[in-house]
Amino acid sequence: MAKDNDCIFCKLANGDIPTNLLYENDLAAAFADANPQAPVHVLVVPKDHYANIIDGIPADVLAAMVDAVDHVARERGLDKAGFRTIMNTGEAAGQTVNHVHMHILGGTSLGEGLL
């Protein structure tokens, strides 16, 4: 895949728009969500453009995203406290940016609501 010149997450992950990167590796980047839903709310995105989780993402890209989750969770102390990861797919599921991304949510009790 390649970058999408109109995609905000492509621009953020690749440094075209400045952001405070919390972590990055060769294939993925993590940064704070602009509209946090928890005390810790971080987005993990691949540097290449994929619309969603069923867009043929290579295994090494998914592994790089999980590596970023691991790094952020440990750095923020969530590995001991617990956290939630969410990947929304499609508008009806709440995906507002058509670039696959993982939400890392933590820093508070997240309750027993929907999985």
PDB file of N, CA and C in Angstrom:
ATOM      1  N   MET A   1       0.842  -1.185   0.000  1.00  0.00           N
ATOM      2  CA  MET A   1       0.000   0.000   0.000  1.00  0.00           C
ATOM      3  C   MET A   1       0.883   1.241   0.000  1.00  0.00           C
ATOM      4  N   ALA A   2       0.252   2.352  -0.067  1.00  0.00           N
ATOM      5  CA  ALA A   2       0.972   3.623  -0.101  1.00  0.00           C
ATOM      6  C   ALA A   2       0.281   4.624   0.820  1.00  0.00           C
ATOM      7  N   LYS A   3       0.776   5.811   0.787  1.00  0.00           N
ATOM      8  CA  LYS A   3       0.151   6.894   1.546  1.00  0.00           C
ATOM      9  C   LYS A   3      -1.032   7.440   0.754  1.00  0.00           C
ATOM     10  N   ASP A   4      -1.989   8.014   1.486  1.00  0.00           N
ATOM     11  CA  ASP A   4      -3.110   8.712   0.877  1.00  0.00           C
ATOM     12  C   ASP A   4      -2.910  10.190   1.196  1.00  0.00           C
ATOM     13  N   ASN A   5      -2.651  10.994   0.190  1.00  0.00           N
ATOM     14  CA  ASN A   5      -2.331  12.406   0.394  1.00  0.00           C
ATOM     15  C   ASN A   5      -3.454  13.204   1.045  1.00  0.00           C
ATOM     16  N   ASP A   6      -4.669  12.669   1.057  1.00  0.00           N
ATOM     17  CA  ASP A   6      -5.796  13.357   1.680  1.00  0.00           C
ATOM     18  C   ASP A   6      -6.119  12.835   3.084  1.00  0.00           C
ATOM     19  N   CYS A   7      -5.363  11.852   3.566  1.00  0.00           N
ATOM     20  CA  CYS A   7      -5.665  11.198   4.840  1.00  0.00           C
ATOM     21  C   CYS A   7      -4.915  11.870   5.991  1.00  0.00           C
ATOM     22  N   ILE A   8      -5.670  12.343   6.979  1.00  0.00           N
ATOM     23  CA  ILE A   8      -5.078  13.010   8.138  1.00  0.00           C
ATOM     24  C   ILE A   8      -4.157  12.073   8.915  1.00  0.00           C
ATOM     25  N   PHE A   9      -4.523  10.803   9.057  1.00  0.00           N
ATOM     26  CA  PHE A   9      -3.681   9.875   9.809  1.00  0.00           C
ATOM     27  C   PHE A   9      -2.397   9.550   9.052  1.00  0.00           C
ATOM     28  N   CYS A  10      -2.443   9.470   7.735  1.00  0.00           N
ATOM     29  CA  CYS A  10      -1.212   9.295   6.952  1.00  0.00           C
ATOM     30  C   CYS A  10      -0.272  10.476   7.204  1.00  0.00           C
ATOM     31  N   LYS A  11      -0.833  11.662   7.179  1.00  0.00           N
ATOM     32  CA  LYS A  11      -0.029  12.881   7.370  1.00  0.00           C
ATOM     33  C   LYS A  11       0.566  12.939   8.775  1.00  0.00           C
ATOM     34  N   LEU A  12      -0.201  12.588   9.783  1.00  0.00           N
ATOM     35  CA  LEU A  12       0.299  12.602  11.154  1.00  0.00           C
ATOM     36  C   LEU A  12       1.367  11.531  11.364  1.00  0.00           C
ATOM     37  N   ALA A  13       1.097  10.314  10.897  1.00  0.00           N
ATOM     38  CA  ALA A  13       2.023   9.198  11.116  1.00  0.00           C
ATOM     39  C   ALA A  13       3.350   9.381  10.398  1.00  0.00           C
ATOM     40  N   ASN A  14       3.334  10.101   9.305  1.00  0.00           N
ATOM     41  CA  ASN A  14       4.538  10.271   8.495  1.00  0.00           C
ATOM     42  C   ASN A  14       5.209  11.634   8.684  1.00  0.00           C
ATOM     43  N   GLY A  15       4.731  12.423   9.647  1.00  0.00           N
ATOM     44  CA  GLY A  15       5.379  13.688   9.969  1.00  0.00           C
ATOM     45  C   GLY A  15       5.059  14.841   9.043  1.00  0.00           C
ATOM     46  N   ASP A  16       4.072  14.683   8.166  1.00  0.00           N
ATOM     47  CA  ASP A  16       3.679  15.776   7.275  1.00  0.00           C
ATOM     48  C   ASP A  16       2.908  16.854   8.031  1.00  0.00           C
ATOM     49  N   ILE A  17       2.226  16.449   9.097  1.00  0.00           N
ATOM     50  CA  ILE A  17       1.571  17.376  10.024  1.00  0.00           C
ATOM     51  C   ILE A  17       2.213  17.116  11.381  1.00  0.00           C
ATOM     52  N   PRO A  18       2.738  18.143  12.027  1.00  0.00           N
ATOM     53  CA  PRO A  18       3.390  17.931  13.324  1.00  0.00           C
ATOM     54  C   PRO A  18       2.422  17.381  14.373  1.00  0.00           C
ATOM     55  N   THR A  19       2.895  16.430  15.139  1.00  0.00           N
ATOM     56  CA  THR A  19       2.158  15.887  16.272  1.00  0.00           C
ATOM     57  C   THR A  19       3.168  15.408  17.287  1.00  0.00           C
ATOM     58  N   ASN A  20       2.722  15.230  18.489  1.00  0.00           N
ATOM     59  CA  ASN A  20       3.587  14.724  19.534  1.00  0.00           C
ATOM     60  C   ASN A  20       3.544  13.197  19.489  1.00  0.00           C
ATOM     61  N   LEU A  21       4.455  12.605  18.727  1.00  0.00           N
ATOM     62  CA  LEU A  21       4.491  11.151  18.638  1.00  0.00           C
ATOM     63  C   LEU A  21       4.904  10.573  19.982  1.00  0.00           C
ATOM     64  N   LEU A  22       4.134   9.634  20.473  1.00  0.00           N
ATOM     65  CA  LEU A  22       4.444   8.967  21.722  1.00  0.00           C
ATOM     66  C   LEU A  22       5.351   7.776  21.487  1.00  0.00           C
ATOM     67  N   TYR A  23       5.261   7.214  20.281  1.00  0.00           N
ATOM     68  CA  TYR A  23       6.099   6.077  19.895  1.00  0.00           C
ATOM     69  C   TYR A  23       5.974   5.910  18.397  1.00  0.00           C
ATOM     70  N   GLU A  24       7.051   5.456  17.789  1.00  0.00           N
ATOM     71  CA  GLU A  24       6.977   5.042  16.385  1.00  0.00           C
ATOM     72  C   GLU A  24       8.023   3.985  16.114  1.00  0.00           C
ATOM     73  N   ASN A  25       7.728   3.146  15.154  1.00  0.00           N
ATOM     74  CA  ASN A  25       8.683   2.191  14.619  1.00  0.00           C
ATOM     75  C   ASN A  25       8.647   2.357  13.109  1.00  0.00           C
ATOM     76  N   ASP A  26       9.236   1.472  12.374  1.00  0.00           N
ATOM     77  CA  ASP A  26       9.302   1.645  10.920  1.00  0.00           C
ATOM     78  C   ASP A  26       7.934   1.636  10.240  1.00  0.00           C
ATOM     79  N   LEU A  27       6.954   0.953  10.821  1.00  0.00           N
ATOM     80  CA  LEU A  27       5.675   0.740  10.146  1.00  0.00           C
ATOM     81  C   LEU A  27       4.463   1.367  10.819  1.00  0.00           C
ATOM     82  N   ALA A  28       4.613   1.839  12.062  1.00  0.00           N
ATOM     83  CA  ALA A  28       3.460   2.353  12.802  1.00  0.00           C
ATOM     84  C   ALA A  28       3.858   3.531  13.676  1.00  0.00           C
ATOM     85  N   ALA A  29       2.854   4.305  14.063  1.00  0.00           N
ATOM     86  CA  ALA A  29       3.073   5.461  14.929  1.00  0.00           C
ATOM     87  C   ALA A  29       1.937   5.533  15.949  1.00  0.00           C
ATOM     88  N   ALA A  30       2.248   6.106  17.123  1.00  0.00           N
ATOM     89  CA  ALA A  30       1.255   6.287  18.184  1.00  0.00           C
ATOM     90  C   ALA A  30       1.268   7.736  18.630  1.00  0.00           C
ATOM     91  N   PHE A  31       0.062   8.306  18.786  1.00  0.00           N
ATOM     92  CA  PHE A  31      -0.067   9.686  19.241  1.00  0.00           C
ATOM     93  C   PHE A  31      -1.378   9.835  20.005  1.00  0.00           C
ATOM     94  N   ALA A  32      -1.458  10.876  20.831  1.00  0.00           N
ATOM     95  CA  ALA A  32      -2.654  11.102  21.640  1.00  0.00           C
ATOM     96  C   ALA A  32      -3.850  11.407  20.750  1.00  0.00           C
ATOM     97  N   ASP A  33      -5.015  10.895  21.146  1.00  0.00           N
ATOM     98  CA  ASP A  33      -6.255  11.181  20.436  1.00  0.00           C
ATOM     99  C   ASP A  33      -6.637  12.639  20.683  1.00  0.00           C
ATOM    100  N   ALA A  34      -7.067  13.333  19.644  1.00  0.00           N
ATOM    101  CA  ALA A  34      -7.444  14.745  19.749  1.00  0.00           C
ATOM    102  C   ALA A  34      -8.745  14.938  20.527  1.00  0.00           C
ATOM    103  N   ASN A  35      -9.550  13.885  20.646  1.00  0.00           N
ATOM    104  CA  ASN A  35     -10.818  13.940  21.366  1.00  0.00           C
ATOM    105  C   ASN A  35     -10.860  12.781  22.362  1.00  0.00           C
ATOM    106  N   PRO A  36     -10.060  12.868  23.438  1.00  0.00           N
ATOM    107  CA  PRO A  36      -9.916  11.716  24.336  1.00  0.00           C
ATOM    108  C   PRO A  36     -11.215  11.318  25.027  1.00  0.00           C
ATOM    109  N   GLN A  37     -11.420   9.998  25.117  1.00  0.00           N
ATOM    110  CA  GLN A  37     -12.595   9.428  25.777  1.00  0.00           C
ATOM    111  C   GLN A  37     -12.233   8.788  27.112  1.00  0.00           C
ATOM    112  N   ALA A  38     -10.955   8.880  27.512  1.00  0.00           N
ATOM    113  CA  ALA A  38     -10.455   8.345  28.774  1.00  0.00           C
ATOM    114  C   ALA A  38      -9.210   9.148  29.137  1.00  0.00           C
ATOM    115  N   PRO A  39      -8.756   9.069  30.398  1.00  0.00           N
ATOM    116  CA  PRO A  39      -7.546   9.809  30.775  1.00  0.00           C
ATOM    117  C   PRO A  39      -6.340   9.486  29.886  1.00  0.00           C
ATOM    118  N   VAL A  40      -6.213   8.228  29.492  1.00  0.00           N
ATOM    119  CA  VAL A  40      -5.217   7.848  28.488  1.00  0.00           C
ATOM    120  C   VAL A  40      -5.987   7.391  27.260  1.00  0.00           C
ATOM    121  N   HIS A  41      -5.807   8.083  26.155  1.00  0.00           N
ATOM    122  CA  HIS A  41      -6.456   7.711  24.897  1.00  0.00           C
ATOM    123  C   HIS A  41      -5.455   7.976  23.783  1.00  0.00           C
ATOM    124  N   VAL A  42      -4.876   6.896  23.303  1.00  0.00           N
ATOM    125  CA  VAL A  42      -3.819   6.967  22.294  1.00  0.00           C
ATOM    126  C   VAL A  42      -4.286   6.226  21.056  1.00  0.00           C
ATOM    127  N   LEU A  43      -3.915   6.747  19.898  1.00  0.00           N
ATOM    128  CA  LEU A  43      -4.191   6.082  18.625  1.00  0.00           C
ATOM    129  C   LEU A  43      -2.913   5.473  18.094  1.00  0.00           C
ATOM    130  N   VAL A  44      -3.020   4.266  17.575  1.00  0.00           N
ATOM    131  CA  VAL A  44      -1.908   3.589  16.905  1.00  0.00           C
ATOM    132  C   VAL A  44      -2.330   3.380  15.466  1.00  0.00           C
ATOM    133  N   VAL A  45      -1.525   3.887  14.531  1.00  0.00           N
ATOM    134  CA  VAL A  45      -1.863   3.814  13.108  1.00  0.00           C
ATOM    135  C   VAL A  45      -0.683   3.294  12.312  1.00  0.00           C
ATOM    136  N   PRO A  46      -0.942   2.565  11.240  1.00  0.00           N
ATOM    137  CA  PRO A  46       0.155   2.208  10.348  1.00  0.00           C
ATOM    138  C   PRO A  46       0.569   3.424   9.524  1.00  0.00           C
ATOM    139  N   LYS A  47       1.824   3.457   9.122  1.00  0.00           N
ATOM    140  CA  LYS A  47       2.311   4.579   8.311  1.00  0.00           C
ATOM    141  C   LYS A  47       1.802   4.500   6.879  1.00  0.00           C
ATOM    142  N   ASP A  48       1.529   3.288   6.395  1.00  0.00           N
ATOM    143  CA  ASP A  48       0.893   3.134   5.090  1.00  0.00           C
ATOM    144  C   ASP A  48      -0.617   3.175   5.277  1.00  0.00           C
ATOM    145  N   HIS A  49      -1.313   3.490   4.208  1.00  0.00           N
ATOM    146  CA  HIS A  49      -2.767   3.657   4.280  1.00  0.00           C
ATOM    147  C   HIS A  49      -3.498   2.342   4.038  1.00  0.00           C
ATOM    148  N   TYR A  50      -4.327   1.986   5.019  1.00  0.00           N
ATOM    149  CA  TYR A  50      -5.274   0.880   4.906  1.00  0.00           C
ATOM    150  C   TYR A  50      -6.580   1.416   5.479  1.00  0.00           C
ATOM    151  N   ALA A  51      -7.671   1.173   4.811  1.00  0.00           N
ATOM    152  CA  ALA A  51      -8.947   1.745   5.236  1.00  0.00           C
ATOM    153  C   ALA A  51      -9.430   1.173   6.562  1.00  0.00           C
ATOM    154  N   ASN A  52      -9.283  -0.130   6.755  1.00  0.00           N
ATOM    155  CA  ASN A  52      -9.770  -0.772   7.974  1.00  0.00           C
ATOM    156  C   ASN A  52      -9.092  -2.127   8.143  1.00  0.00           C
ATOM    157  N   ILE A  53      -9.460  -2.844   9.178  1.00  0.00           N
ATOM    158  CA  ILE A  53      -8.800  -4.105   9.530  1.00  0.00           C
ATOM    159  C   ILE A  53      -8.971  -5.187   8.459  1.00  0.00           C
ATOM    160  N   ILE A  54      -9.961  -5.071   7.602  1.00  0.00           N
ATOM    161  CA  ILE A  54     -10.168  -6.091   6.562  1.00  0.00           C
ATOM    162  C   ILE A  54      -9.717  -5.594   5.190  1.00  0.00           C
ATOM    163  N   ASP A  55      -8.718  -4.716   5.191  1.00  0.00           N
ATOM    164  CA  ASP A  55      -8.191  -4.138   3.950  1.00  0.00           C
ATOM    165  C   ASP A  55      -6.859  -4.771   3.538  1.00  0.00           C
ATOM    166  N   GLY A  56      -6.662  -6.039   3.876  1.00  0.00           N
ATOM    167  CA  GLY A  56      -5.461  -6.751   3.436  1.00  0.00           C
ATOM    168  C   GLY A  56      -4.167  -6.257   4.072  1.00  0.00           C
ATOM    169  N   ILE A  57      -4.198  -5.963   5.346  1.00  0.00           N
ATOM    170  CA  ILE A  57      -3.014  -5.455   6.040  1.00  0.00           C
ATOM    171  C   ILE A  57      -2.011  -6.590   6.227  1.00  0.00           C
ATOM    172  N   PRO A  58      -0.761  -6.382   5.809  1.00  0.00           N
ATOM    173  CA  PRO A  58       0.253  -7.424   5.992  1.00  0.00           C
ATOM    174  C   PRO A  58       0.525  -7.710   7.471  1.00  0.00           C
ATOM    175  N   ALA A  59       0.907  -8.932   7.761  1.00  0.00           N
ATOM    176  CA  ALA A  59       1.155  -9.361   9.140  1.00  0.00           C
ATOM    177  C   ALA A  59       2.223  -8.515   9.819  1.00  0.00           C
ATOM    178  N   ASP A  60       3.254  -8.099   9.075  1.00  0.00           N
ATOM    179  CA  ASP A  60       4.310  -7.310   9.717  1.00  0.00           C
ATOM    180  C   ASP A  60       3.810  -5.931  10.140  1.00  0.00           C
ATOM    181  N   VAL A  61       2.841  -5.390   9.425  1.00  0.00           N
ATOM    182  CA  VAL A  61       2.261  -4.098   9.804  1.00  0.00           C
ATOM    183  C   VAL A  61       1.412  -4.270  11.064  1.00  0.00           C
ATOM    184  N   LEU A  62       0.605  -5.319  11.120  1.00  0.00           N
ATOM    185  CA  LEU A  62      -0.178  -5.580  12.328  1.00  0.00           C
ATOM    186  C   LEU A  62       0.736  -5.826  13.529  1.00  0.00           C
ATOM    187  N   ALA A  63       1.820  -6.553  13.317  1.00  0.00           N
ATOM    188  CA  ALA A  63       2.779  -6.793  14.400  1.00  0.00           C
ATOM    189  C   ALA A  63       3.409  -5.488  14.865  1.00  0.00           C
ATOM    190  N   ALA A  64       3.698  -4.582  13.951  1.00  0.00           N
ATOM    191  CA  ALA A  64       4.262  -3.287  14.320  1.00  0.00           C
ATOM    192  C   ALA A  64       3.256  -2.465  15.122  1.00  0.00           C
ATOM    193  N   MET A  65       1.980  -2.576  14.792  1.00  0.00           N
ATOM    194  CA  MET A  65       0.946  -1.877  15.557  1.00  0.00           C
ATOM    195  C   MET A  65       0.857  -2.447  16.975  1.00  0.00           C
ATOM    196  N   VAL A  66       0.913  -3.773  17.107  1.00  0.00           N
ATOM    197  CA  VAL A  66       0.881  -4.397  18.428  1.00  0.00           C
ATOM    198  C   VAL A  66       2.130  -4.010  19.226  1.00  0.00           C
ATOM    199  N   ASP A  67       3.270  -3.918  18.570  1.00  0.00           N
ATOM    200  CA  ASP A  67       4.495  -3.450  19.228  1.00  0.00           C
ATOM    201  C   ASP A  67       4.285  -2.048  19.791  1.00  0.00           C
ATOM    202  N   ALA A  68       3.636  -1.187  19.046  1.00  0.00           N
ATOM    203  CA  ALA A  68       3.369   0.171  19.509  1.00  0.00           C
ATOM    204  C   ALA A  68       2.418   0.160  20.707  1.00  0.00           C
ATOM    205  N   VAL A  69       1.384  -0.689  20.666  1.00  0.00           N
ATOM    206  CA  VAL A  69       0.473  -0.812  21.804  1.00  0.00           C
ATOM    207  C   VAL A  69       1.255  -1.243  23.040  1.00  0.00           C
ATOM    208  N   ASP A  70       2.097  -2.248  22.897  1.00  0.00           N
ATOM    209  CA  ASP A  70       2.900  -2.754  24.005  1.00  0.00           C
ATOM    210  C   ASP A  70       3.759  -1.636  24.604  1.00  0.00           C
ATOM    211  N   HIS A  71       4.441  -0.898  23.753  1.00  0.00           N
ATOM    212  CA  HIS A  71       5.319   0.176  24.219  1.00  0.00           C
ATOM    213  C   HIS A  71       4.525   1.255  24.960  1.00  0.00           C
ATOM    214  N   VAL A  72       3.436   1.718  24.372  1.00  0.00           N
ATOM    215  CA  VAL A  72       2.626   2.778  24.987  1.00  0.00           C
ATOM    216  C   VAL A  72       2.028   2.296  26.309  1.00  0.00           C
ATOM    217  N   ALA A  73       1.489   1.075  26.332  1.00  0.00           N
ATOM    218  CA  ALA A  73       0.870   0.552  27.554  1.00  0.00           C
ATOM    219  C   ALA A  73       1.883   0.481  28.693  1.00  0.00           C
ATOM    220  N   ARG A  74       3.073   0.010  28.393  1.00  0.00           N
ATOM    221  CA  ARG A  74       4.101  -0.076  29.447  1.00  0.00           C
ATOM    222  C   ARG A  74       4.563   1.311  29.880  1.00  0.00           C
ATOM    223  N   GLU A  75       4.766   2.202  28.925  1.00  0.00           N
ATOM    224  CA  GLU A  75       5.236   3.549  29.239  1.00  0.00           C
ATOM    225  C   GLU A  75       4.221   4.306  30.102  1.00  0.00           C
ATOM    226  N   ARG A  76       2.938   4.089  29.856  1.00  0.00           N
ATOM    227  CA  ARG A  76       1.878   4.790  30.589  1.00  0.00           C
ATOM    228  C   ARG A  76       1.405   4.029  31.836  1.00  0.00           C
ATOM    229  N   GLY A  77       2.020   2.886  32.133  1.00  0.00           N
ATOM    230  CA  GLY A  77       1.634   2.111  33.307  1.00  0.00           C
ATOM    231  C   GLY A  77       0.349   1.332  33.147  1.00  0.00           C
ATOM    232  N   LEU A  78      -0.127   1.215  31.939  1.00  0.00           N
ATOM    233  CA  LEU A  78      -1.384   0.510  31.693  1.00  0.00           C
ATOM    234  C   LEU A  78      -1.219  -1.005  31.717  1.00  0.00           C
ATOM    235  N   ASP A  79       0.005  -1.479  31.531  1.00  0.00           N
ATOM    236  CA  ASP A  79       0.240  -2.922  31.531  1.00  0.00           C
ATOM    237  C   ASP A  79      -0.120  -3.539  32.883  1.00  0.00           C
ATOM    238  N   LYS A  80       0.001  -2.780  33.949  1.00  0.00           N
ATOM    239  CA  LYS A  80      -0.347  -3.260  35.294  1.00  0.00           C
ATOM    240  C   LYS A  80      -1.796  -2.906  35.656  1.00  0.00           C
ATOM    241  N   ALA A  81      -2.259  -1.750  35.209  1.00  0.00           N
ATOM    242  CA  ALA A  81      -3.582  -1.251  35.594  1.00  0.00           C
ATOM    243  C   ALA A  81      -4.706  -1.801  34.727  1.00  0.00           C
ATOM    244  N   GLY A  82      -4.379  -2.201  33.521  1.00  0.00           N
ATOM    245  CA  GLY A  82      -5.391  -2.663  32.582  1.00  0.00           C
ATOM    246  C   GLY A  82      -5.764  -1.577  31.582  1.00  0.00           C
ATOM    247  N   PHE A  83      -6.151  -1.991  30.408  1.00  0.00           N
ATOM    248  CA  PHE A  83      -6.534  -1.058  29.352  1.00  0.00           C
ATOM    249  C   PHE A  83      -7.379  -1.780  28.325  1.00  0.00           C
ATOM    250  N   ARG A  84      -7.968  -1.024  27.451  1.00  0.00           N
ATOM    251  CA  ARG A  84      -8.800  -1.563  26.376  1.00  0.00           C
ATOM    252  C   ARG A  84      -8.223  -1.129  25.040  1.00  0.00           C
ATOM    253  N   THR A  85      -8.249  -2.012  24.058  1.00  0.00           N
ATOM    254  CA  THR A  85      -7.912  -1.644  22.684  1.00  0.00           C
ATOM    255  C   THR A  85      -9.150  -1.874  21.836  1.00  0.00           C
ATOM    256  N   ILE A  86      -9.388  -0.941  20.925  1.00  0.00           N
ATOM    257  CA  ILE A  86     -10.572  -1.003  20.072  1.00  0.00           C
ATOM    258  C   ILE A  86     -10.172  -0.645  18.651  1.00  0.00           C
ATOM    259  N   MET A  87     -10.711  -1.377  17.695  1.00  0.00           N
ATOM    260  CA  MET A  87     -10.565  -1.049  16.275  1.00  0.00           C
ATOM    261  C   MET A  87     -11.966  -1.014  15.685  1.00  0.00           C
ATOM    262  N   ASN A  88     -12.454   0.166  15.358  1.00  0.00           N
ATOM    263  CA  ASN A  88     -13.767   0.311  14.737  1.00  0.00           C
ATOM    264  C   ASN A  88     -13.625   0.112  13.230  1.00  0.00           C
ATOM    265  N   THR A  89     -14.593  -0.580  12.645  1.00  0.00           N
ATOM    266  CA  THR A  89     -14.562  -0.833  11.209  1.00  0.00           C
ATOM    267  C   THR A  89     -15.887  -0.398  10.601  1.00  0.00           C
ATOM    268  N   GLY A  90     -15.843   0.685   9.847  1.00  0.00           N
ATOM    269  CA  GLY A  90     -17.034   1.212   9.193  1.00  0.00           C
ATOM    270  C   GLY A  90     -17.746   2.272  10.012  1.00  0.00           C
ATOM    271  N   GLU A  91     -18.466   3.109   9.316  1.00  0.00           N
ATOM    272  CA  GLU A  91     -19.174   4.230   9.937  1.00  0.00           C
ATOM    273  C   GLU A  91     -20.159   3.775  11.011  1.00  0.00           C
ATOM    274  N   ALA A  92     -20.893   2.700  10.747  1.00  0.00           N
ATOM    275  CA  ALA A  92     -21.889   2.218  11.712  1.00  0.00           C
ATOM    276  C   ALA A  92     -21.243   1.747  13.015  1.00  0.00           C
ATOM    277  N   ALA A  93     -19.965   1.390  12.955  1.00  0.00           N
ATOM    278  CA  ALA A  93     -19.241   0.949  14.149  1.00  0.00           C
ATOM    279  C   ALA A  93     -18.495   2.095  14.828  1.00  0.00           C
ATOM    280  N   GLY A  94     -18.588   3.293  14.273  1.00  0.00           N
ATOM    281  CA  GLY A  94     -17.947   4.448  14.885  1.00  0.00           C
ATOM    282  C   GLY A  94     -16.625   4.863  14.270  1.00  0.00           C
ATOM    283  N   GLN A  95     -16.242   4.257  13.152  1.00  0.00           N
ATOM    284  CA  GLN A  95     -14.995   4.663  12.494  1.00  0.00           C
ATOM    285  C   GLN A  95     -15.225   6.002  11.795  1.00  0.00           C
ATOM    286  N   THR A  96     -14.518   7.034  12.243  1.00  0.00           N
ATOM    287  CA  THR A  96     -14.706   8.371  11.678  1.00  0.00           C
ATOM    288  C   THR A  96     -13.590   8.778  10.731  1.00  0.00           C
ATOM    289  N   VAL A  97     -12.449   8.096  10.804  1.00  0.00           N
ATOM    290  CA  VAL A  97     -11.349   8.324   9.861  1.00  0.00           C
ATOM    291  C   VAL A  97     -11.092   7.000   9.159  1.00  0.00           C
ATOM    292  N   ASN A  98     -11.149   7.004   7.843  1.00  0.00           N
ATOM    293  CA  ASN A  98     -10.989   5.778   7.070  1.00  0.00           C
ATOM    294  C   ASN A  98      -9.517   5.434   6.858  1.00  0.00           C
ATOM    295  N   HIS A  99      -8.842   5.251   7.979  1.00  0.00           N
ATOM    296  CA  HIS A  99      -7.460   4.765   8.042  1.00  0.00           C
ATOM    297  C   HIS A  99      -7.451   3.873   9.273  1.00  0.00           C
ATOM    298  N   VAL A 100      -7.121   2.596   9.103  1.00  0.00           N
ATOM    299  CA  VAL A 100      -7.183   1.674  10.241  1.00  0.00           C
ATOM    300  C   VAL A 100      -6.401   2.245  11.415  1.00  0.00           C
ATOM    301  N   HIS A 101      -6.973   2.123  12.606  1.00  0.00           N
ATOM    302  CA  HIS A 101      -6.298   2.596  13.810  1.00  0.00           C
ATOM    303  C   HIS A 101      -6.826   1.865  15.031  1.00  0.00           C
ATOM    304  N   MET A 102      -5.939   1.699  15.991  1.00  0.00           N
ATOM    305  CA  MET A 102      -6.284   1.110  17.279  1.00  0.00           C
ATOM    306  C   MET A 102      -6.392   2.224  18.298  1.00  0.00           C
ATOM    307  N   HIS A 103      -7.429   2.176  19.089  1.00  0.00           N
ATOM    308  CA  HIS A 103      -7.556   3.066  20.240  1.00  0.00           C
ATOM    309  C   HIS A 103      -7.011   2.316  21.448  1.00  0.00           C
ATOM    310  N   ILE A 104      -6.156   2.950  22.221  1.00  0.00           N
ATOM    311  CA  ILE A 104      -5.729   2.437  23.522  1.00  0.00           C
ATOM    312  C   ILE A 104      -6.402   3.330  24.554  1.00  0.00           C
ATOM    313  N   LEU A 105      -7.238   2.743  25.386  1.00  0.00           N
ATOM    314  CA  LEU A 105      -7.987   3.492  26.397  1.00  0.00           C
ATOM    315  C   LEU A 105      -7.637   2.967  27.782  1.00  0.00           C
ATOM    316  N   GLY A 106      -7.337   3.874  28.695  1.00  0.00           N
ATOM    317  CA  GLY A 106      -7.023   3.448  30.052  1.00  0.00           C
ATOM    318  C   GLY A 106      -6.933   4.632  30.987  1.00  0.00           C
ATOM    319  N   GLY A 107      -6.426   4.346  32.175  1.00  0.00           N
ATOM    320  CA  GLY A 107      -6.260   5.397  33.164  1.00  0.00           C
ATOM    321  C   GLY A 107      -7.462   5.574  34.066  1.00  0.00           C
ATOM    322  N   THR A 108      -8.496   4.748  33.881  1.00  0.00           N
ATOM    323  CA  THR A 108      -9.701   4.781  34.709  1.00  0.00           C
ATOM    324  C   THR A 108     -10.402   3.442  34.543  1.00  0.00           C
ATOM    325  N   SER A 109     -11.356   3.164  35.407  1.00  0.00           N
ATOM    326  CA  SER A 109     -12.162   1.960  35.250  1.00  0.00           C
ATOM    327  C   SER A 109     -13.039   2.137  34.011  1.00  0.00           C
ATOM    328  N   LEU A 110     -12.999   1.187  33.132  1.00  0.00           N
ATOM    329  CA  LEU A 110     -13.763   1.283  31.894  1.00  0.00           C
ATOM    330  C   LEU A 110     -15.082   0.526  31.968  1.00  0.00           C
ATOM    331  N   GLY A 111     -15.394  -0.053  33.114  1.00  0.00           N
ATOM    332  CA  GLY A 111     -16.681  -0.698  33.315  1.00  0.00           C
ATOM    333  C   GLY A 111     -16.833  -1.992  32.548  1.00  0.00           C
ATOM    334  N   GLU A 112     -18.017  -2.522  32.618  1.00  0.00           N
ATOM    335  CA  GLU A 112     -18.308  -3.810  31.996  1.00  0.00           C
ATOM    336  C   GLU A 112     -19.262  -3.663  30.816  1.00  0.00           C
ATOM    337  N   GLY A 113     -19.325  -2.514  30.198  1.00  0.00           N
ATOM    338  CA  GLY A 113     -20.245  -2.289  29.075  1.00  0.00           C
ATOM    339  C   GLY A 113     -19.989  -3.237  27.921  1.00  0.00           C
ATOM    340  N   LEU A 114     -20.299  -2.795  26.745  1.00  0.00           N
ATOM    341  CA  LEU A 114     -20.103  -3.624  25.559  1.00  0.00           C
ATOM    342  C   LEU A 114     -18.641  -3.983  25.382  1.00  0.00           C
ATOM    343  N   LEU A 115     -18.401  -5.124  24.824  1.00  0.00           N
ATOM    344  CA  LEU A 115     -17.033  -5.574  24.593  1.00  0.00           C
ATOM    345  C   LEU A 115     -16.381  -4.809  23.486  1.00  0.00           C
TER     346      LEU A 115
END
